[in-house]
PDB file of all heavy atoms in Angstrom:
ATOM      1  N   ILE A   1     106.145-117.263 179.855  1.00  0.00           N
ATOM      2  CA  ILE A   1     107.344-118.017 179.508  1.00  0.00           C
ATOM      3  C   ILE A   1     107.996-118.472 180.807  1.00  0.00           C
ATOM      4  O   ILE A   1     108.145-117.683 181.739  1.00  0.00           O
ATOM      5  CB  ILE A   1     108.336-117.149 178.699  1.00  0.00           C
ATOM      6  CG1 ILE A   1     107.688-116.675 177.392  1.00  0.00           C
ATOM      7  CG2 ILE A   1     109.631-117.906 178.433  1.00  0.00           C
ATOM      8  CD1 ILE A   1     108.494-115.620 176.664  1.00  0.00           C
ATOM      9  N   THR A   2     108.345-119.743 180.877  1.00  0.00           N
ATOM     10  CA  THR A   2     109.028-120.274 182.053  1.00  0.00           C
ATOM     11  C   THR A   2     110.461-120.606 181.673  1.00  0.00           C
ATOM     12  O   THR A   2     110.705-121.312 180.702  1.00  0.00           O
ATOM     13  CB  THR A   2     108.319-121.537 182.581  1.00  0.00           C
ATOM     14  OG1 THR A   2     106.973-121.194 182.915  1.00  0.00           O
ATOM     15  CG2 THR A   2     109.022-122.092 183.806  1.00  0.00           C
ATOM     16  N   LEU A   3     111.384-120.048 182.431  1.00  0.00           N
ATOM     17  CA  LEU A   3     112.807-120.304 182.221  1.00  0.00           C
ATOM     18  C   LEU A   3     113.341-121.040 183.437  1.00  0.00           C
ATOM     19  O   LEU A   3     112.951-120.753 184.565  1.00  0.00           O
ATOM     20  CB  LEU A   3     113.562-118.980 182.055  1.00  0.00           C
ATOM     21  CG  LEU A   3     113.042-118.034 180.977  1.00  0.00           C
ATOM     22  CD1 LEU A   3     113.700-116.679 181.102  1.00  0.00           C
ATOM     23  CD2 LEU A   3     113.288-118.633 179.612  1.00  0.00           C
ATOM     24  N   ARG A   4     114.218-121.984 183.216  1.00  0.00           N
ATOM     25  CA  ARG A   4     114.820-122.734 184.317  1.00  0.00           C
ATOM     26  C   ARG A   4     116.333-122.714 184.167  1.00  0.00           C
ATOM     27  O   ARG A   4     116.849-122.775 183.061  1.00  0.00           O
ATOM     28  CB  ARG A   4     114.338-124.187 184.294  1.00  0.00           C
ATOM     29  CG  ARG A   4     112.852-124.316 184.522  1.00  0.00           C
ATOM     30  CD  ARG A   4     112.397-125.769 184.378  1.00  0.00           C
ATOM     31  NE  ARG A   4     110.969-125.876 184.378  1.00  0.00           N
ATOM     32  CZ  ARG A   4     110.202-125.934 185.460  1.00  0.00           C
ATOM     33  NH1 ARG A   4     110.762-125.896 186.642  1.00  0.00           N
ATOM     34  NH2 ARG A   4     108.890-126.041 185.373  1.00  0.00           N
ATOM     35  N   HIS A   5     116.988-122.603 185.298  1.00  0.00           N
ATOM     36  CA  HIS A   5     118.436-122.727 185.311  1.00  0.00           C
ATOM     37  C   HIS A   5     118.870-123.144 186.712  1.00  0.00           C
ATOM     38  O   HIS A   5     118.060-123.192 187.635  1.00  0.00           O
ATOM     39  CB  HIS A   5     119.117-121.436 184.849  1.00  0.00           C
ATOM     40  CG  HIS A   5     119.078-120.316 185.828  1.00  0.00           C
ATOM     41  ND1 HIS A   5     117.955-119.559 186.059  1.00  0.00           N
ATOM     42  CD2 HIS A   5     120.033-119.827 186.658  1.00  0.00           C
ATOM     43  CE1 HIS A   5     118.220-118.652 186.982  1.00  0.00           C
ATOM     44  NE2 HIS A   5     119.470-118.791 187.368  1.00  0.00           N
ATOM     45  N   GLU A   6     120.127-123.464 186.843  1.00  0.00           N
ATOM     46  CA  GLU A   6     120.681-123.874 188.131  1.00  0.00           C
ATOM     47  C   GLU A   6     121.871-122.986 188.467  1.00  0.00           C
ATOM     48  O   GLU A   6     122.612-122.574 187.585  1.00  0.00           O
ATOM     49  CB  GLU A   6     121.136-125.334 188.089  1.00  0.00           C
ATOM     50  CG  GLU A   6     119.998-126.311 187.917  1.00  0.00           C
ATOM     51  CD  GLU A   6     120.474-127.753 187.852  1.00  0.00           C
ATOM     52  OE1 GLU A   6     121.673-127.995 187.585  1.00  0.00           O
ATOM     53  OE2 GLU A   6     119.644-128.635 188.070  1.00  0.00           O
ATOM     54  N   VAL A   7     122.016-122.728 189.754  1.00  0.00           N
ATOM     55  CA  VAL A   7     123.153-121.957 190.250  1.00  0.00           C
ATOM     56  C   VAL A   7     123.897-122.841 191.241  1.00  0.00           C
ATOM     57  O   VAL A   7     123.301-123.321 192.210  1.00  0.00           O
ATOM     58  CB  VAL A   7     122.686-120.661 190.945  1.00  0.00           C
ATOM     59  CG1 VAL A   7     123.858-119.919 191.558  1.00  0.00           C
ATOM     60  CG2 VAL A   7     121.933-119.767 189.966  1.00  0.00           C
ATOM     61  N   PRO A   8     125.183-123.103 191.010  1.00  0.00           N
ATOM     62  CA  PRO A   8     125.930-123.912 191.972  1.00  0.00           C
ATOM     63  C   PRO A   8     126.216-123.095 193.233  1.00  0.00           C
ATOM     64  O   PRO A   8     126.647-121.941 193.154  1.00  0.00           O
ATOM     65  CB  PRO A   8     127.220-124.271 191.236  1.00  0.00           C
ATOM     66  CG  PRO A   8     127.341-123.272 190.143  1.00  0.00           C
ATOM     67  CD  PRO A   8     125.978-122.755 189.844  1.00  0.00           C
ATOM     68  N   MET A   9     125.932-123.691 194.394  1.00  0.00           N
ATOM     69  CA  MET A   9     126.182-123.034 195.686  1.00  0.00           C
ATOM     70  C   MET A   9     126.707-124.056 196.675  1.00  0.00           C
ATOM     71  O   MET A   9     126.324-125.217 196.625  1.00  0.00           O
ATOM     72  CB  MET A   9     124.881-122.464 196.266  1.00  0.00           C
ATOM     73  CG  MET A   9     124.285-121.320 195.529  1.00  0.00           C
ATOM     74  SD  MET A   9     122.844-120.701 196.440  1.00  0.00           S
ATOM     75  CE  MET A   9     122.085-119.728 195.161  1.00  0.00           C
ATOM     76  N   THR A  10     127.535-123.582 197.580  1.00  0.00           N
ATOM     77  CA  THR A  10     127.918-124.416 198.715  1.00  0.00           C
ATOM     78  C   THR A  10     126.806-124.294 199.758  1.00  0.00           C
ATOM     79  O   THR A  10     125.916-123.431 199.647  1.00  0.00           O
ATOM     80  CB  THR A  10     129.244-123.938 199.340  1.00  0.00           C
ATOM     81  OG1 THR A  10     129.043-122.626 199.861  1.00  0.00           O
ATOM     82  CG2 THR A  10     130.390-123.959 198.326  1.00  0.00           C
ATOM     83  N   ALA A  11     126.855-125.120 200.785  1.00  0.00           N
ATOM     84  CA  ALA A  11     125.847-125.052 201.850  1.00  0.00           C
ATOM     85  C   ALA A  11     125.841-123.663 202.493  1.00  0.00           C
ATOM     86  O   ALA A  11     124.779-123.101 202.757  1.00  0.00           O
ATOM     87  CB  ALA A  11     126.112-126.132 202.892  1.00  0.00           C
ATOM     88  N   GLY A  12     127.013-123.104 202.711  1.00  0.00           N
ATOM     89  CA  GLY A  12     127.095-121.768 203.304  1.00  0.00           C
ATOM     90  C   GLY A  12     126.494-120.696 202.407  1.00  0.00           C
ATOM     91  O   GLY A  12     125.811-119.788 202.884  1.00  0.00           O
ATOM     92  N   GLU A  13     126.758-120.797 201.117  1.00  0.00           N
ATOM     93  CA  GLU A  13     126.180-119.828 200.173  1.00  0.00           C
ATOM     94  C   GLU A  13     124.660-119.966 200.120  1.00  0.00           C
ATOM     95  O   GLU A  13     123.932-118.967 200.071  1.00  0.00           O
ATOM     96  CB  GLU A  13     126.782-120.018 198.786  1.00  0.00           C
ATOM     97  CG  GLU A  13     128.236-119.615 198.708  1.00  0.00           C
ATOM     98  CD  GLU A  13     128.923-120.073 197.437  1.00  0.00           C
ATOM     99  OE1 GLU A  13     128.480-121.067 196.804  1.00  0.00           O
ATOM    100  OE2 GLU A  13     129.945-119.439 197.080  1.00  0.00           O
ATOM    101  N   PHE A  14     124.179-121.210 200.138  1.00  0.00           N
ATOM    102  CA  PHE A  14     122.735-121.435 200.123  1.00  0.00           C
ATOM    103  C   PHE A  14     122.100-120.850 201.383  1.00  0.00           C
ATOM    104  O   PHE A  14     121.080-120.168 201.328  1.00  0.00           O
ATOM    105  CB  PHE A  14     122.427-122.929 200.007  1.00  0.00           C
ATOM    106  CG  PHE A  14     120.963-123.226 199.926  1.00  0.00           C
ATOM    107  CD1 PHE A  14     120.261-123.003 198.758  1.00  0.00           C
ATOM    108  CD2 PHE A  14     120.276-123.721 201.024  1.00  0.00           C
ATOM    109  CE1 PHE A  14     118.900-123.264 198.670  1.00  0.00           C
ATOM    110  CE2 PHE A  14     118.919-123.998 200.956  1.00  0.00           C
ATOM    111  CZ  PHE A  14     118.228-123.758 199.776  1.00  0.00           C
ATOM    112  N   MET A  15     122.712-121.102 202.521  1.00  0.00           N
ATOM    113  CA  MET A  15     122.213-120.569 203.793  1.00  0.00           C
ATOM    114  C   MET A  15     122.163-119.039 203.717  1.00  0.00           C
ATOM    115  O   MET A  15     121.178-118.423 204.121  1.00  0.00           O
ATOM    116  CB  MET A  15     123.119-121.023 204.930  1.00  0.00           C
ATOM    117  CG  MET A  15     122.660-120.601 206.291  1.00  0.00           C
ATOM    118  SD  MET A  15     121.423-121.669 207.035  1.00  0.00           S
ATOM    119  CE  MET A  15     122.399-123.117 207.390  1.00  0.00           C
ATOM    120  N   GLY A  16     123.201-118.429 203.194  1.00  0.00           N
ATOM    121  CA  GLY A  16     123.225-116.979 203.050  1.00  0.00           C
ATOM    122  C   GLY A  16     122.113-116.475 202.150  1.00  0.00           C
ATOM    123  O   GLY A  16     121.472-115.467 202.445  1.00  0.00           O
ATOM    124  N   MET A  17     121.859-117.176 201.057  1.00  0.00           N
ATOM    125  CA  MET A  17     120.803-116.787 200.134  1.00  0.00           C
ATOM    126  C   MET A  17     119.442-116.846 200.814  1.00  0.00           C
ATOM    127  O   MET A  17     118.617-115.942 200.668  1.00  0.00           O
ATOM    128  CB  MET A  17     120.843-117.704 198.902  1.00  0.00           C
ATOM    129  CG  MET A  17     119.851-117.353 197.806  1.00  0.00           C
ATOM    130  SD  MET A  17     118.242-118.187 197.893  1.00  0.00           S
ATOM    131  CE  MET A  17     118.645-119.902 198.055  1.00  0.00           C
ATOM    132  N   VAL A  18     119.199-117.901 201.597  1.00  0.00           N
ATOM    133  CA  VAL A  18     117.914-118.046 202.284  1.00  0.00           C
ATOM    134  C   VAL A  18     117.649-116.847 203.182  1.00  0.00           C
ATOM    135  O   VAL A  18     116.534-116.318 203.231  1.00  0.00           O
ATOM    136  CB  VAL A  18     117.882-119.360 203.108  1.00  0.00           C
ATOM    137  CG1 VAL A  18     116.683-119.394 204.050  1.00  0.00           C
ATOM    138  CG2 VAL A  18     117.875-120.567 202.172  1.00  0.00           C
ATOM    139  N   PHE A  19     118.691-116.374 203.842  1.00  0.00           N
ATOM    140  CA  PHE A  19     118.509-115.294 204.801  1.00  0.00           C
ATOM    141  C   PHE A  19     118.489-113.907 204.165  1.00  0.00           C
ATOM    142  O   PHE A  19     118.427-112.898 204.870  1.00  0.00           O
ATOM    143  CB  PHE A  19     119.550-115.405 205.923  1.00  0.00           C
ATOM    144  CG  PHE A  19     119.154-116.450 206.927  1.00  0.00           C
ATOM    145  CD1 PHE A  19     119.425-117.785 206.687  1.00  0.00           C
ATOM    146  CD2 PHE A  19     118.460-116.107 208.073  1.00  0.00           C
ATOM    147  CE1 PHE A  19     119.022-118.771 207.581  1.00  0.00           C
ATOM    148  CE2 PHE A  19     118.049-117.076 208.972  1.00  0.00           C
ATOM    149  CZ  PHE A  19     118.332-118.410 208.732  1.00  0.00           C
ATOM    150  N   THR A  20     118.488-113.829 202.835  1.00  0.00           N
ATOM    151  CA  THR A  20     118.273-112.544 202.165  1.00  0.00           C
ATOM    152  C   THR A  20     116.798-112.318 201.875  1.00  0.00           C
ATOM    153  O   THR A  20     116.397-111.200 201.579  1.00  0.00           O
ATOM    154  CB  THR A  20     119.048-112.450 200.827  1.00  0.00           C
ATOM    155  OG1 THR A  20     118.532-113.415 199.911  1.00  0.00           O
ATOM    156  CG2 THR A  20     120.541-112.622 201.035  1.00  0.00           C
ATOM    157  N   ALA A  21     115.978-113.355 201.956  1.00  0.00           N
ATOM    158  CA  ALA A  21     114.547-113.228 201.666  1.00  0.00           C
ATOM    159  C   ALA A  21     113.858-112.409 202.751  1.00  0.00           C
ATOM    160  O   ALA A  21     114.101-112.601 203.942  1.00  0.00           O
ATOM    161  CB  ALA A  21     113.908-114.614 201.566  1.00  0.00           C
ATOM    162  N   SER A  22     112.969-111.504 202.349  1.00  0.00           N
ATOM    163  CA  SER A  22     112.296-110.643 203.316  1.00  0.00           C
ATOM    164  C   SER A  22     111.462-111.423 204.310  1.00  0.00           C
ATOM    165  O   SER A  22     111.346-111.034 205.468  1.00  0.00           O
ATOM    166  CB  SER A  22     111.417-109.618 202.593  1.00  0.00           C
ATOM    167  OG  SER A  22     110.413-110.269 201.843  1.00  0.00           O
ATOM    168  N   TYR A  23     110.876-112.544 203.886  1.00  0.00           N
ATOM    169  CA  TYR A  23     110.056-113.323 204.812  1.00  0.00           C
ATOM    170  C   TYR A  23     110.898-114.072 205.839  1.00  0.00           C
ATOM    171  O   TYR A  23     110.371-114.679 206.761  1.00  0.00           O
ATOM    172  CB  TYR A  23     109.117-114.288 204.078  1.00  0.00           C
ATOM    173  CG  TYR A  23     109.772-115.165 203.040  1.00  0.00           C
ATOM    174  CD1 TYR A  23     110.431-116.332 203.391  1.00  0.00           C
ATOM    175  CD2 TYR A  23     109.726-114.811 201.701  1.00  0.00           C
ATOM    176  CE1 TYR A  23     111.041-117.129 202.430  1.00  0.00           C
ATOM    177  CE2 TYR A  23     110.318-115.609 200.734  1.00  0.00           C
ATOM    178  CZ  TYR A  23     110.971-116.761 201.112  1.00  0.00           C
ATOM    179  OH  TYR A  23     111.571-117.545 200.162  1.00  0.00           O
ATOM    180  N   VAL A  24     112.215-114.010 205.697  1.00  0.00           N
ATOM    181  CA  VAL A  24     113.127-114.563 206.708  1.00  0.00           C
ATOM    182  C   VAL A  24     113.809-113.409 207.437  1.00  0.00           C
ATOM    183  O   VAL A  24     113.690-113.262 208.652  1.00  0.00           O
ATOM    184  CB  VAL A  24     114.176-115.495 206.074  1.00  0.00           C
ATOM    185  CG1 VAL A  24     115.233-115.903 207.089  1.00  0.00           C
ATOM    186  CG2 VAL A  24     113.514-116.721 205.464  1.00  0.00           C
ATOM    187  N   ARG A  25     114.527-112.583 206.696  1.00  0.00           N
ATOM    188  CA  ARG A  25     115.350-111.514 207.275  1.00  0.00           C
ATOM    189  C   ARG A  25     114.515-110.498 208.043  1.00  0.00           C
ATOM    190  O   ARG A  25     114.846-110.154 209.179  1.00  0.00           O
ATOM    191  CB  ARG A  25     116.136-110.821 206.160  1.00  0.00           C
ATOM    192  CG  ARG A  25     117.036-109.699 206.608  1.00  0.00           C
ATOM    193  CD  ARG A  25     117.761-109.047 205.431  1.00  0.00           C
ATOM    194  NE  ARG A  25     117.024-108.998 204.187  1.00  0.00           N
ATOM    195  CZ  ARG A  25     116.093-108.102 203.876  1.00  0.00           C
ATOM    196  NH1 ARG A  25     115.773-107.167 204.731  1.00  0.00           N
ATOM    197  NH2 ARG A  25     115.490-108.127 202.714  1.00  0.00           N
ATOM    198  N   ALA A  26     113.434-110.015 207.463  1.00  0.00           N
ATOM    199  CA  ALA A  26     112.669-108.936 208.087  1.00  0.00           C
ATOM    200  C   ALA A  26     111.499-109.432 208.935  1.00  0.00           C
ATOM    201  O   ALA A  26     111.087-108.748 209.862  1.00  0.00           O
ATOM    202  CB  ALA A  26     112.152-107.985 207.012  1.00  0.00           C
ATOM    203  N   ALA A  27     110.976-110.601 208.618  1.00  0.00           N
ATOM    204  CA  ALA A  27     109.751-111.046 209.284  1.00  0.00           C
ATOM    205  C   ALA A  27     109.989-111.930 210.496  1.00  0.00           C
ATOM    206  O   ALA A  27     109.112-112.051 211.348  1.00  0.00           O
ATOM    207  CB  ALA A  27     108.853-111.771 208.282  1.00  0.00           C
ATOM    208  N   LEU A  28     111.151-112.568 210.577  1.00  0.00           N
ATOM    209  CA  LEU A  28     111.397-113.483 211.684  1.00  0.00           C
ATOM    210  C   LEU A  28     112.233-112.809 212.771  1.00  0.00           C
ATOM    211  O   LEU A  28     113.156-112.054 212.474  1.00  0.00           O
ATOM    212  CB  LEU A  28     112.114-114.743 211.201  1.00  0.00           C
ATOM    213  CG  LEU A  28     111.393-115.596 210.160  1.00  0.00           C
ATOM    214  CD1 LEU A  28     112.222-116.831 209.836  1.00  0.00           C
ATOM    215  CD2 LEU A  28     109.997-115.981 210.617  1.00  0.00           C
ATOM    216  N   THR A  29     111.916-113.111 214.001  1.00  0.00           N
ATOM    217  CA  THR A  29     112.709-112.605 215.127  1.00  0.00           C
ATOM    218  C   THR A  29     114.081-113.279 215.102  1.00  0.00           C
ATOM    219  O   THR A  29     114.262-114.320 214.455  1.00  0.00           O
ATOM    220  CB  THR A  29     112.018-112.925 216.463  1.00  0.00           C
ATOM    221  OG1 THR A  29     112.027-114.347 216.649  1.00  0.00           O
ATOM    222  CG2 THR A  29     110.601-112.382 216.512  1.00  0.00           C
TER     223      THR A  29
END
């Protein structure tokens, strides 16, 4: 089953979300 939705974010909130991903936060210097 595929579900789709949208979450409203400001640029700052989006930037913060990106940096919670392990392939960014833990893997990048």
